[in-house]
């Protein structure tokens, strides 16, 4: 696939900007799951459910100590 040099230059700059930024772990998480198969988001996880297929809402804030 061929792209113009200007488009390639813009695309490379855009990808470099996001690569250099890295993944940032947020201090506040809002997370919804219905199963323990998808139980993890950054530093928060759901370890068990009484009933599967029931909505679980997590609104968590990380303390200063982590």
N, C-alpha and C. Protein backbone atom coordinates (compact mmCIF):
# COMPACT_ATOMS: atom_id res chain seq x y z
N UNK A 1 0.85 -1.17 0.00
CA UNK A 1 0.00 0.00 0.00
C UNK A 1 0.90 1.24 0.00
N UNK A 2 0.59 2.17 -0.85
CA UNK A 2 1.41 3.37 -0.99
C UNK A 2 0.71 4.56 -0.36
N UNK A 3 1.46 5.35 0.40
CA UNK A 3 0.95 6.61 0.94
C UNK A 3 1.94 7.71 0.60
N UNK A 4 1.45 8.92 0.57
CA UNK A 4 2.32 10.04 0.24
C UNK A 4 3.29 10.29 1.40
N UNK A 5 4.43 10.88 1.13
CA UNK A 5 5.40 11.16 2.19
C UNK A 5 4.84 12.06 3.29
N UNK A 6 3.96 13.00 2.93
CA UNK A 6 3.38 13.89 3.92
C UNK A 6 2.46 13.13 4.88
N UNK A 7 1.64 12.24 4.35
CA UNK A 7 0.75 11.43 5.19
C UNK A 7 1.56 10.49 6.06
N UNK A 8 2.58 9.88 5.52
CA UNK A 8 3.44 8.97 6.29
C UNK A 8 4.14 9.72 7.42
N UNK A 9 4.60 10.94 7.14
CA UNK A 9 5.27 11.75 8.16
C UNK A 9 4.29 12.10 9.29
N UNK A 10 3.07 12.51 8.95
CA UNK A 10 2.07 12.85 9.95
C UNK A 10 1.70 11.62 10.78
N UNK A 11 1.52 10.48 10.10
CA UNK A 11 1.15 9.25 10.79
C UNK A 11 2.25 8.81 11.76
N UNK A 12 3.49 8.86 11.32
CA UNK A 12 4.60 8.47 12.19
C UNK A 12 4.71 9.39 13.40
N UNK A 13 4.51 10.69 13.21
CA UNK A 13 4.56 11.63 14.33
C UNK A 13 3.44 11.35 15.33
N UNK A 14 2.24 11.05 14.83
CA UNK A 14 1.11 10.73 15.69
C UNK A 14 1.39 9.47 16.51
N UNK A 15 1.86 8.42 15.87
CA UNK A 15 2.15 7.17 16.58
C UNK A 15 3.29 7.34 17.57
N UNK A 16 4.30 8.11 17.23
CA UNK A 16 5.43 8.37 18.13
C UNK A 16 4.96 9.11 19.38
N UNK A 17 4.04 10.07 19.21
CA UNK A 17 3.52 10.83 20.34
C UNK A 17 2.84 9.89 21.34
N UNK A 18 2.00 8.98 20.87
CA UNK A 18 1.30 8.06 21.76
C UNK A 18 2.22 7.00 22.33
N UNK A 19 3.22 6.56 21.58
CA UNK A 19 4.18 5.58 22.08
C UNK A 19 5.00 6.17 23.21
N UNK A 20 5.44 7.41 23.07
CA UNK A 20 6.27 8.05 24.08
C UNK A 20 5.49 8.37 25.35
N UNK A 21 4.19 8.57 25.20
CA UNK A 21 3.34 8.87 26.35
C UNK A 21 3.22 7.66 27.27
N UNK A 22 3.14 6.47 26.70
CA UNK A 22 3.04 5.25 27.49
C UNK A 22 1.65 5.06 28.08
N UNK A 23 1.48 3.99 28.82
CA UNK A 23 0.20 3.71 29.47
C UNK A 23 0.24 4.28 30.87
N UNK A 24 -0.73 5.10 31.20
CA UNK A 24 -0.80 5.76 32.50
C UNK A 24 -1.87 5.07 33.33
N UNK A 25 -1.51 4.70 34.54
CA UNK A 25 -2.46 4.06 35.45
C UNK A 25 -3.26 5.15 36.16
N UNK A 26 -4.58 5.19 35.97
CA UNK A 26 -5.39 6.26 36.55
C UNK A 26 -5.59 6.09 38.06
N UNK A 27 -5.86 7.20 38.73
CA UNK A 27 -6.14 7.17 40.17
C UNK A 27 -7.62 6.89 40.45
N UNK A 28 -8.48 7.06 39.45
CA UNK A 28 -9.92 6.83 39.62
C UNK A 28 -10.40 5.88 38.51
N UNK A 29 -11.11 4.83 38.90
CA UNK A 29 -11.61 3.83 37.94
C UNK A 29 -13.11 3.67 38.11
N UNK A 30 -13.82 3.67 36.99
CA UNK A 30 -15.23 3.27 36.94
C UNK A 30 -15.27 2.08 36.00
N UNK A 31 -15.73 0.94 36.51
CA UNK A 31 -15.61 -0.33 35.80
C UNK A 31 -16.90 -1.12 35.96
N UNK A 32 -17.37 -1.73 34.88
CA UNK A 32 -18.59 -2.55 34.90
C UNK A 32 -18.25 -3.91 34.31
N UNK A 33 -18.70 -4.98 34.96
CA UNK A 33 -18.53 -6.33 34.43
C UNK A 33 -19.73 -7.18 34.81
N UNK A 34 -19.94 -8.24 34.05
CA UNK A 34 -21.02 -9.19 34.33
C UNK A 34 -20.48 -10.58 34.66
N UNK A 35 -19.17 -10.77 34.55
CA UNK A 35 -18.58 -12.08 34.74
C UNK A 35 -17.15 -11.95 35.24
N UNK A 36 -16.64 -13.01 35.88
CA UNK A 36 -15.27 -12.98 36.34
C UNK A 36 -14.27 -13.25 35.22
N UNK A 37 -14.76 -13.59 34.03
CA UNK A 37 -13.86 -13.78 32.89
C UNK A 37 -13.19 -12.45 32.54
N UNK A 38 -13.94 -11.36 32.63
CA UNK A 38 -13.41 -10.02 32.38
C UNK A 38 -13.44 -9.27 33.71
N UNK A 39 -12.51 -9.61 34.59
CA UNK A 39 -12.59 -9.13 35.96
C UNK A 39 -11.54 -8.09 36.32
N UNK A 40 -10.75 -7.61 35.38
CA UNK A 40 -9.60 -6.79 35.72
C UNK A 40 -9.57 -5.50 34.89
N UNK A 41 -9.22 -4.40 35.56
CA UNK A 41 -9.00 -3.13 34.89
C UNK A 41 -7.93 -2.38 35.66
N UNK A 42 -6.77 -2.20 35.06
CA UNK A 42 -5.60 -1.56 35.68
C UNK A 42 -5.30 -2.24 37.00
N UNK A 43 -5.51 -1.57 38.12
CA UNK A 43 -5.12 -2.09 39.44
C UNK A 43 -6.30 -2.65 40.23
N UNK A 44 -7.45 -2.76 39.62
CA UNK A 44 -8.66 -3.22 40.30
C UNK A 44 -9.13 -4.55 39.70
N UNK A 45 -9.69 -5.43 40.54
CA UNK A 45 -10.19 -6.71 40.02
C UNK A 45 -11.38 -7.19 40.85
N UNK A 46 -12.22 -8.01 40.21
CA UNK A 46 -13.34 -8.67 40.86
C UNK A 46 -12.94 -10.13 41.03
N UNK A 47 -12.83 -10.58 42.26
CA UNK A 47 -12.33 -11.94 42.52
C UNK A 47 -13.43 -12.99 42.56
N UNK A 48 -14.67 -12.61 42.81
CA UNK A 48 -15.74 -13.59 42.86
C UNK A 48 -17.10 -12.93 42.79
N UNK A 49 -18.08 -13.67 42.29
CA UNK A 49 -19.45 -13.18 42.19
C UNK A 49 -20.39 -14.23 42.77
N UNK A 50 -21.44 -13.79 43.45
CA UNK A 50 -22.45 -14.72 43.92
C UNK A 50 -23.26 -15.26 42.75
N UNK A 51 -23.62 -14.37 41.82
CA UNK A 51 -24.40 -14.75 40.64
C UNK A 51 -23.74 -14.17 39.40
N UNK A 52 -23.44 -15.03 38.43
CA UNK A 52 -22.90 -14.53 37.17
C UNK A 52 -24.04 -13.92 36.35
N UNK A 53 -23.68 -13.12 35.40
CA UNK A 53 -24.61 -12.41 34.52
C UNK A 53 -25.42 -11.36 35.26
N UNK A 54 -24.93 -10.92 36.41
CA UNK A 54 -25.52 -9.82 37.14
C UNK A 54 -24.52 -8.67 37.10
N UNK A 55 -24.98 -7.48 36.81
CA UNK A 55 -24.10 -6.33 36.65
C UNK A 55 -23.39 -5.98 37.94
N UNK A 56 -22.06 -5.76 37.84
CA UNK A 56 -21.24 -5.32 38.95
C UNK A 56 -20.63 -3.98 38.58
N UNK A 57 -20.89 -2.95 39.39
CA UNK A 57 -20.33 -1.61 39.16
C UNK A 57 -19.23 -1.36 40.18
N UNK A 58 -18.10 -0.91 39.71
CA UNK A 58 -16.99 -0.55 40.60
C UNK A 58 -16.65 0.91 40.34
N UNK A 59 -16.61 1.68 41.40
CA UNK A 59 -16.18 3.07 41.35
C UNK A 59 -15.11 3.20 42.42
N UNK A 60 -13.85 3.12 42.02
CA UNK A 60 -12.75 3.04 42.99
C UNK A 60 -11.79 4.21 42.84
N UNK A 61 -11.24 4.66 43.97
CA UNK A 61 -10.28 5.72 43.99
C UNK A 61 -9.02 5.23 44.71
N UNK A 62 -7.88 5.40 44.08
CA UNK A 62 -6.63 4.95 44.69
C UNK A 62 -6.16 5.98 45.70
N UNK A 63 -5.68 5.51 46.86
CA UNK A 63 -5.20 6.42 47.88
C UNK A 63 -3.80 6.94 47.50
N UNK A 64 -3.31 7.89 48.26
CA UNK A 64 -1.99 8.48 47.98
C UNK A 64 -0.87 7.46 48.08
N UNK A 65 -1.02 6.48 48.97
CA UNK A 65 0.00 5.46 49.16
C UNK A 65 -0.04 4.37 48.11
N UNK A 66 -1.01 4.40 47.22
CA UNK A 66 -1.11 3.38 46.18
C UNK A 66 -2.06 2.29 46.55
